[in-house]
Amino acid sequence: MKVRDIMSKDIACLRSDDTVERAAQLMKQYNCGSIPVCTDDKIIGIVTDRDIAVRSVASGQDVHQRVGDIMTKDVIFANPETDVNDAARIMSDRQIRRLPVVENNSLIGIVALGDISLEPACQDCAEDALKNISKPGISLR
């Protein structure tokens, strides 16, 4: 099974000059913990609820701070033809729960660990990935 088969295609995006407040509002609206940051349709970063908590709120920053100031810039992504088991391994190795999907340098979707866990053939790799993601230790981001 390929990432294309299970990825979410209806995704929200932010611009780097959007505010942290806007990012949090979109996370609430879409019930998600991360949102890609794009210029046009090209992904330049990703902002997570953890980025907001650690890089903004914990540092006493204003909610009007730019997302570009706190986003994770080293974005790991998959392509639509990536095997779902490989995507789970990437998530496990990088300790991430969501993986943007890029085709021809354009963001076309996101696959989440939850998407993988819903596939009966992939439940074991999703379980293993979750165990590794949840391990305390040094963040690779």
N, C-alpha and C. Protein backbone atom coordinates (compact mmCIF):
# COMPACT_ATOMS: atom_id res chain seq x y z
N MET A 1 0.84 -1.17 0.00
CA MET A 1 0.00 0.00 0.00
C MET A 1 0.89 1.25 0.00
N LYS A 2 0.45 2.25 -0.73
CA LYS A 2 1.21 3.49 -0.88
C LYS A 2 0.61 4.60 -0.03
N VAL A 3 1.44 5.56 0.32
CA VAL A 3 1.01 6.72 1.09
C VAL A 3 -0.17 7.41 0.40
N ARG A 4 -0.13 7.47 -0.92
CA ARG A 4 -1.21 8.10 -1.71
C ARG A 4 -2.59 7.54 -1.33
N ASP A 5 -2.64 6.27 -0.97
CA ASP A 5 -3.91 5.60 -0.70
C ASP A 5 -4.53 6.00 0.64
N ILE A 6 -3.74 6.50 1.57
CA ILE A 6 -4.28 6.77 2.90
C ILE A 6 -4.07 8.21 3.38
N MET A 7 -3.35 9.03 2.63
CA MET A 7 -3.03 10.39 3.08
C MET A 7 -4.28 11.27 3.08
N SER A 8 -4.25 12.28 3.92
CA SER A 8 -5.28 13.32 3.92
C SER A 8 -4.92 14.33 2.85
N LYS A 9 -5.90 14.69 2.04
CA LYS A 9 -5.64 15.63 0.95
C LYS A 9 -6.17 17.02 1.26
N ASP A 10 -7.11 17.11 2.17
CA ASP A 10 -7.68 18.40 2.55
C ASP A 10 -6.90 18.93 3.75
N ILE A 11 -5.88 19.72 3.48
CA ILE A 11 -5.00 20.17 4.55
C ILE A 11 -4.94 21.69 4.58
N ALA A 12 -4.79 22.21 5.77
CA ALA A 12 -4.61 23.65 5.96
C ALA A 12 -3.13 23.96 5.84
N CYS A 13 -2.82 25.15 5.38
CA CYS A 13 -1.44 25.62 5.29
C CYS A 13 -1.35 27.01 5.88
N LEU A 14 -0.18 27.35 6.34
CA LEU A 14 0.11 28.69 6.84
C LEU A 14 1.18 29.32 5.97
N ARG A 15 1.27 30.64 6.02
CA ARG A 15 2.39 31.38 5.43
C ARG A 15 3.34 31.71 6.56
N SER A 16 4.59 31.94 6.25
CA SER A 16 5.58 32.21 7.30
C SER A 16 5.28 33.49 8.07
N ASP A 17 4.52 34.41 7.46
CA ASP A 17 4.20 35.66 8.16
C ASP A 17 2.87 35.58 8.92
N ASP A 18 2.19 34.43 8.89
CA ASP A 18 1.02 34.24 9.73
C ASP A 18 1.47 34.21 11.19
N THR A 19 0.54 34.49 12.09
CA THR A 19 0.89 34.55 13.51
C THR A 19 0.76 33.18 14.18
N VAL A 20 1.41 33.07 15.32
CA VAL A 20 1.29 31.88 16.15
C VAL A 20 -0.18 31.69 16.54
N GLU A 21 -0.86 32.79 16.82
CA GLU A 21 -2.28 32.72 17.15
C GLU A 21 -3.07 32.08 16.01
N ARG A 22 -2.80 32.49 14.78
CA ARG A 22 -3.49 31.91 13.61
C ARG A 22 -3.20 30.42 13.50
N ALA A 23 -1.96 30.02 13.76
CA ALA A 23 -1.60 28.60 13.72
C ALA A 23 -2.42 27.81 14.74
N ALA A 24 -2.52 28.33 15.94
CA ALA A 24 -3.29 27.65 16.99
C ALA A 24 -4.77 27.58 16.63
N GLN A 25 -5.29 28.64 16.03
CA GLN A 25 -6.70 28.65 15.61
C GLN A 25 -6.95 27.58 14.56
N LEU A 26 -6.04 27.45 13.59
CA LEU A 26 -6.21 26.43 12.55
C LEU A 26 -6.08 25.02 13.13
N MET A 27 -5.17 24.84 14.09
CA MET A 27 -5.04 23.53 14.73
C MET A 27 -6.33 23.16 15.44
N LYS A 28 -6.95 24.14 16.08
CA LYS A 28 -8.23 23.89 16.75
C LYS A 28 -9.30 23.56 15.72
N GLN A 29 -9.40 24.36 14.66
CA GLN A 29 -10.41 24.17 13.63
C GLN A 29 -10.29 22.81 12.95
N TYR A 30 -9.06 22.41 12.61
CA TYR A 30 -8.83 21.16 11.90
C TYR A 30 -8.55 19.98 12.84
N ASN A 31 -8.55 20.24 14.14
CA ASN A 31 -8.29 19.21 15.14
C ASN A 31 -7.00 18.45 14.82
N CYS A 32 -5.91 19.22 14.67
CA CYS A 32 -4.63 18.60 14.34
C CYS A 32 -3.52 19.25 15.17
N GLY A 33 -2.36 18.63 15.17
CA GLY A 33 -1.25 19.11 15.97
C GLY A 33 -0.10 19.71 15.18
N SER A 34 -0.27 19.79 13.86
CA SER A 34 0.78 20.41 13.06
C SER A 34 0.17 20.94 11.76
N ILE A 35 0.77 21.99 11.26
CA ILE A 35 0.31 22.59 10.01
C ILE A 35 1.53 22.97 9.18
N PRO A 36 1.54 22.56 7.92
CA PRO A 36 2.65 22.94 7.04
C PRO A 36 2.69 24.45 6.81
N VAL A 37 3.89 24.96 6.64
CA VAL A 37 4.08 26.37 6.29
C VAL A 37 4.57 26.37 4.85
N CYS A 38 3.85 27.11 4.01
CA CYS A 38 4.12 27.05 2.57
C CYS A 38 4.28 28.44 1.96
N THR A 39 5.06 28.48 0.91
CA THR A 39 5.11 29.61 0.01
C THR A 39 4.51 29.08 -1.28
N ASP A 40 3.36 29.64 -1.66
CA ASP A 40 2.56 29.08 -2.74
C ASP A 40 2.23 27.64 -2.32
N ASP A 41 2.58 26.65 -3.10
CA ASP A 41 2.29 25.27 -2.70
C ASP A 41 3.54 24.50 -2.30
N LYS A 42 4.64 25.21 -2.09
CA LYS A 42 5.91 24.59 -1.71
C LYS A 42 6.08 24.67 -0.19
N ILE A 43 6.34 23.53 0.41
CA ILE A 43 6.50 23.49 1.87
C ILE A 43 7.88 24.04 2.25
N ILE A 44 7.88 24.98 3.20
CA ILE A 44 9.13 25.57 3.67
C ILE A 44 9.37 25.29 5.15
N GLY A 45 8.35 24.73 5.80
CA GLY A 45 8.47 24.42 7.21
C GLY A 45 7.20 23.76 7.70
N ILE A 46 7.20 23.47 8.98
CA ILE A 46 6.00 22.92 9.61
C ILE A 46 5.97 23.46 11.03
N VAL A 47 4.80 23.83 11.49
CA VAL A 47 4.68 24.30 12.87
C VAL A 47 3.79 23.30 13.61
N THR A 48 4.27 22.90 14.78
CA THR A 48 3.55 21.91 15.59
C THR A 48 3.06 22.56 16.87
N ASP A 49 2.13 21.88 17.51
CA ASP A 49 1.67 22.38 18.81
C ASP A 49 2.84 22.44 19.79
N ARG A 50 3.79 21.55 19.65
CA ARG A 50 4.98 21.58 20.51
C ARG A 50 5.85 22.80 20.20
N ASP A 51 5.99 23.16 18.92
CA ASP A 51 6.72 24.38 18.56
C ASP A 51 6.10 25.59 19.24
N ILE A 52 4.76 25.64 19.22
CA ILE A 52 4.07 26.77 19.84
C ILE A 52 4.35 26.78 21.34
N ALA A 53 4.24 25.62 21.97
CA ALA A 53 4.43 25.55 23.42
C ALA A 53 5.86 25.87 23.83
N VAL A 54 6.83 25.26 23.15
CA VAL A 54 8.23 25.38 23.57
C VAL A 54 8.92 26.62 23.03
N ARG A 55 8.72 26.91 21.76
CA ARG A 55 9.46 28.01 21.13
C ARG A 55 8.75 29.36 21.24
N SER A 56 7.49 29.36 21.63
CA SER A 56 6.77 30.62 21.72
C SER A 56 6.27 30.88 23.14
N VAL A 57 5.32 30.09 23.59
CA VAL A 57 4.70 30.32 24.89
C VAL A 57 5.70 30.22 26.03
N ALA A 58 6.49 29.16 26.07
CA ALA A 58 7.45 28.97 27.16
C ALA A 58 8.53 30.05 27.18
N SER A 59 8.76 30.66 26.04
CA SER A 59 9.74 31.75 25.95
C SER A 59 9.12 33.11 26.21
N GLY A 60 7.82 33.13 26.51
CA GLY A 60 7.15 34.38 26.81
C GLY A 60 6.88 35.25 25.58
N GLN A 61 6.85 34.63 24.42
CA GLN A 61 6.63 35.39 23.19
C GLN A 61 5.16 35.76 23.03
N ASP A 62 4.91 36.77 22.25
CA ASP A 62 3.58 37.27 21.96
C ASP A 62 2.89 36.33 20.96
N VAL A 63 1.56 36.20 21.06
CA VAL A 63 0.82 35.35 20.13
C VAL A 63 0.84 35.91 18.71
N HIS A 64 1.30 37.15 18.57
CA HIS A 64 1.39 37.77 17.26
C HIS A 64 2.76 37.55 16.62
N GLN A 65 3.58 36.74 17.27
CA GLN A 65 4.87 36.36 16.71
C GLN A 65 4.64 35.61 15.40
N ARG A 66 5.55 35.77 14.46
CA ARG A 66 5.43 35.10 13.16
C ARG A 66 5.71 33.60 13.27
N VAL A 67 4.92 32.82 12.56
CA VAL A 67 5.12 31.38 12.51
C VAL A 67 6.52 31.05 11.98
N GLY A 68 7.00 31.85 11.04
CA GLY A 68 8.33 31.63 10.47
C GLY A 68 9.44 31.66 11.51
N ASP A 69 9.19 32.33 12.64
CA ASP A 69 10.20 32.42 13.69
C ASP A 69 10.27 31.16 14.56
N ILE A 70 9.21 30.37 14.56
CA ILE A 70 9.19 29.19 15.45
C ILE A 70 9.04 27.87 14.72
N MET A 71 8.79 27.90 13.43
CA MET A 71 8.53 26.66 12.70
C MET A 71 9.78 25.78 12.63
N THR A 72 9.55 24.51 12.42
CA THR A 72 10.61 23.57 12.15
C THR A 72 10.92 23.68 10.66
N LYS A 73 12.17 23.97 10.34
CA LYS A 73 12.53 24.23 8.95
C LYS A 73 13.04 22.99 8.22
N ASP A 74 13.58 22.05 8.95
CA ASP A 74 14.12 20.83 8.35
C ASP A 74 12.99 19.81 8.24
N VAL A 75 12.15 19.97 7.22
CA VAL A 75 10.96 19.14 7.09
C VAL A 75 11.30 17.82 6.40
N ILE A 76 10.91 16.76 7.03
CA ILE A 76 11.03 15.42 6.46
C ILE A 76 9.71 15.14 5.75
N PHE A 77 9.77 14.62 4.54
CA PHE A 77 8.53 14.36 3.81
C PHE A 77 8.65 13.08 3.01
N ALA A 78 7.51 12.63 2.52
CA ALA A 78 7.43 11.44 1.68
C ALA A 78 6.88 11.86 0.32
N ASN A 79 6.94 10.96 -0.62
CA ASN A 79 6.26 11.19 -1.89
C ASN A 79 5.06 10.24 -1.94
N PRO A 80 4.13 10.48 -2.83
CA PRO A 80 2.91 9.67 -2.83
C PRO A 80 3.13 8.18 -3.08
N GLU A 81 4.26 7.83 -3.70
CA GLU A 81 4.54 6.42 -3.99
C GLU A 81 5.31 5.73 -2.87
N THR A 82 5.61 6.44 -1.80
CA THR A 82 6.29 5.83 -0.65
C THR A 82 5.41 4.73 -0.07
N ASP A 83 6.00 3.59 0.20
CA ASP A 83 5.27 2.50 0.83
C ASP A 83 4.88 2.91 2.25
N VAL A 84 3.69 2.54 2.68
CA VAL A 84 3.19 2.93 4.00
C VAL A 84 4.11 2.42 5.11
N ASN A 85 4.65 1.22 4.97
CA ASN A 85 5.58 0.69 5.98
C ASN A 85 6.85 1.55 6.05
N ASP A 86 7.32 2.02 4.90
CA ASP A 86 8.48 2.90 4.88
C ASP A 86 8.16 4.24 5.55
N ALA A 87 6.96 4.74 5.31
CA ALA A 87 6.55 5.99 5.95
C ALA A 87 6.53 5.82 7.47
N ALA A 88 6.02 4.68 7.94
CA ALA A 88 6.00 4.41 9.38
C ALA A 88 7.41 4.34 9.94
N ARG A 89 8.34 3.76 9.19
CA ARG A 89 9.74 3.70 9.65
C ARG A 89 10.35 5.10 9.72
N ILE A 90 10.06 5.94 8.75
CA ILE A 90 10.55 7.32 8.77
C ILE A 90 10.03 8.03 10.01
N MET A 91 8.73 7.89 10.28
CA MET A 91 8.13 8.52 11.46
C MET A 91 8.79 8.02 12.73
N SER A 92 9.01 6.72 12.79
CA SER A 92 9.64 6.11 13.95
C SER A 92 11.05 6.64 14.15
N ASP A 93 11.84 6.62 13.09
CA ASP A 93 13.24 7.06 13.16
C ASP A 93 13.35 8.53 13.54
N ARG A 94 12.45 9.36 13.03
CA ARG A 94 12.52 10.81 13.25
C ARG A 94 11.64 11.28 14.41
N GLN A 95 10.93 10.36 15.03
CA GLN A 95 10.03 10.65 16.15
C GLN A 95 9.02 11.74 15.79
N ILE A 96 8.32 11.51 14.68
CA ILE A 96 7.27 12.43 14.24
C ILE A 96 5.99 11.64 14.00
N ARG A 97 4.86 12.30 14.16
CA ARG A 97 3.56 11.64 14.01
C ARG A 97 2.87 11.95 12.69
N ARG A 98 3.38 12.96 11.99
CA ARG A 98 2.77 13.36 10.71
C ARG A 98 3.85 13.59 9.68
N LEU A 99 3.58 13.18 8.47
CA LEU A 99 4.56 13.25 7.40
C LEU A 99 3.93 13.93 6.18
N PRO A 100 4.40 15.14 5.83
CA PRO A 100 3.88 15.78 4.63
C PRO A 100 4.21 14.93 3.39
N VAL A 101 3.35 15.01 2.40
CA VAL A 101 3.53 14.28 1.15
C VAL A 101 3.71 15.31 0.04
N VAL A 102 4.84 15.18 -0.67
CA VAL A 102 5.22 16.16 -1.69
C VAL A 102 5.39 15.45 -3.04
N GLU A 103 4.85 16.08 -4.07
CA GLU A 103 5.01 15.58 -5.44
C GLU A 103 5.37 16.76 -6.33
N ASN A 104 6.42 16.61 -7.13
CA ASN A 104 6.90 17.70 -8.00
C ASN A 104 7.10 19.01 -7.22
N ASN A 105 7.70 18.88 -6.04
CA ASN A 105 8.00 20.01 -5.15
C ASN A 105 6.76 20.70 -4.60
N SER A 106 5.59 20.11 -4.74
CA SER A 106 4.36 20.71 -4.22
C SER A 106 3.75 19.81 -3.14
N LEU A 107 3.27 20.43 -2.08
CA LEU A 107 2.59 19.71 -1.01
C LEU A 107 1.23 19.23 -1.52
N ILE A 108 1.00 17.92 -1.41
CA ILE A 108 -0.28 17.38 -1.89
C ILE A 108 -1.07 16.66 -0.80
N GLY A 109 -0.47 16.48 0.37
CA GLY A 109 -1.18 15.79 1.44
C GLY A 109 -0.33 15.60 2.67
N ILE A 110 -0.92 14.95 3.65
CA ILE A 110 -0.21 14.58 4.88
C ILE A 110 -0.68 13.20 5.28
N VAL A 111 0.26 12.38 5.69
CA VAL A 111 -0.09 11.08 6.24
C VAL A 111 0.27 11.11 7.73
N ALA A 112 -0.67 10.69 8.55
CA ALA A 112 -0.47 10.69 10.00
C ALA A 112 -0.33 9.25 10.48
N LEU A 113 0.31 9.12 11.62
CA LEU A 113 0.45 7.80 12.22
C LEU A 113 -0.93 7.17 12.43
N GLY A 114 -1.91 7.99 12.77
CA GLY A 114 -3.27 7.50 12.93
C GLY A 114 -3.83 6.91 11.65
N ASP A 115 -3.50 7.53 10.50
CA ASP A 115 -3.94 6.99 9.20
C ASP A 115 -3.37 5.60 8.98
N ILE A 116 -2.11 5.44 9.33
CA ILE A 116 -1.44 4.15 9.14
C ILE A 116 -2.02 3.10 10.07
N SER A 117 -2.31 3.50 11.30
CA SER A 117 -2.82 2.53 12.29
C SER A 117 -4.20 1.99 11.92
N LEU A 118 -4.93 2.71 11.08
CA LEU A 118 -6.27 2.25 10.68
C LEU A 118 -6.23 1.17 9.60
N GLU A 119 -5.06 0.98 8.99
CA GLU A 119 -4.92 -0.04 7.95
C GLU A 119 -4.54 -1.37 8.60
N PRO A 120 -5.40 -2.39 8.49
CA PRO A 120 -5.11 -3.67 9.16
C PRO A 120 -3.73 -4.24 8.83
N ALA A 121 -3.29 -4.13 7.60
CA ALA A 121 -2.01 -4.70 7.20
C ALA A 121 -0.83 -3.92 7.78
N CYS A 122 -1.08 -2.72 8.29
CA CYS A 122 0.01 -1.85 8.76
C CYS A 122 -0.01 -1.62 10.26
N GLN A 123 -0.91 -2.27 10.98
CA GLN A 123 -1.05 -1.98 12.40
C GLN A 123 0.20 -2.30 13.20
N ASP A 124 0.92 -3.37 12.85
CA ASP A 124 2.14 -3.71 13.59
C ASP A 124 3.21 -2.63 13.41
N CYS A 125 3.39 -2.15 12.16
CA CYS A 125 4.42 -1.13 11.95
C CYS A 125 4.01 0.19 12.60
N ALA A 126 2.71 0.47 12.64
CA ALA A 126 2.24 1.69 13.31
C ALA A 126 2.48 1.59 14.81
N GLU A 127 2.25 0.41 15.37
CA GLU A 127 2.47 0.20 16.80
C GLU A 127 3.96 0.38 17.14
N ASP A 128 4.81 -0.22 16.33
CA ASP A 128 6.25 -0.08 16.55
C ASP A 128 6.69 1.38 16.42
N ALA A 129 6.15 2.08 15.43
CA ALA A 129 6.50 3.49 15.24
C ALA A 129 6.07 4.30 16.45
N LEU A 130 4.87 4.06 16.95
CA LEU A 130 4.38 4.81 18.11
C LEU A 130 5.26 4.58 19.33
N LYS A 131 5.71 3.35 19.53
CA LYS A 131 6.61 3.06 20.66
C LYS A 131 7.89 3.89 20.55
N ASN A 132 8.46 3.96 19.36
CA ASN A 132 9.70 4.72 19.17
C ASN A 132 9.47 6.22 19.25
N ILE A 133 8.35 6.69 18.72
CA ILE A 133 8.04 8.12 18.76
C ILE A 133 7.87 8.56 20.21
N SER A 134 7.27 7.69 21.02
CA SER A 134 6.94 8.03 22.39
C SER A 134 8.10 7.91 23.37
N LYS A 135 9.22 7.34 22.92
CA LYS A 135 10.37 7.18 23.81
C LYS A 135 10.92 8.54 24.17
N PRO A 136 11.20 8.76 25.45
CA PRO A 136 11.87 10.02 25.80
C PRO A 136 13.30 9.99 25.28
N GLY A 137 13.80 11.14 25.01
CA GLY A 137 15.17 11.22 24.52
C GLY A 137 15.41 12.50 23.75
N ILE A 138 16.45 12.49 23.02
CA ILE A 138 16.84 13.67 22.26
C ILE A 138 15.94 13.82 21.05
N SER A 139 15.36 15.00 20.90
CA SER A 139 14.54 15.27 19.74
C SER A 139 15.43 15.47 18.52
N LEU A 140 15.01 14.90 17.41
CA LEU A 140 15.78 15.03 16.17
C LEU A 140 15.37 16.26 15.40
N ARG A 141 14.39 17.01 15.88
CA ARG A 141 13.91 18.19 15.17
C ARG A 141 14.65 19.39 15.60
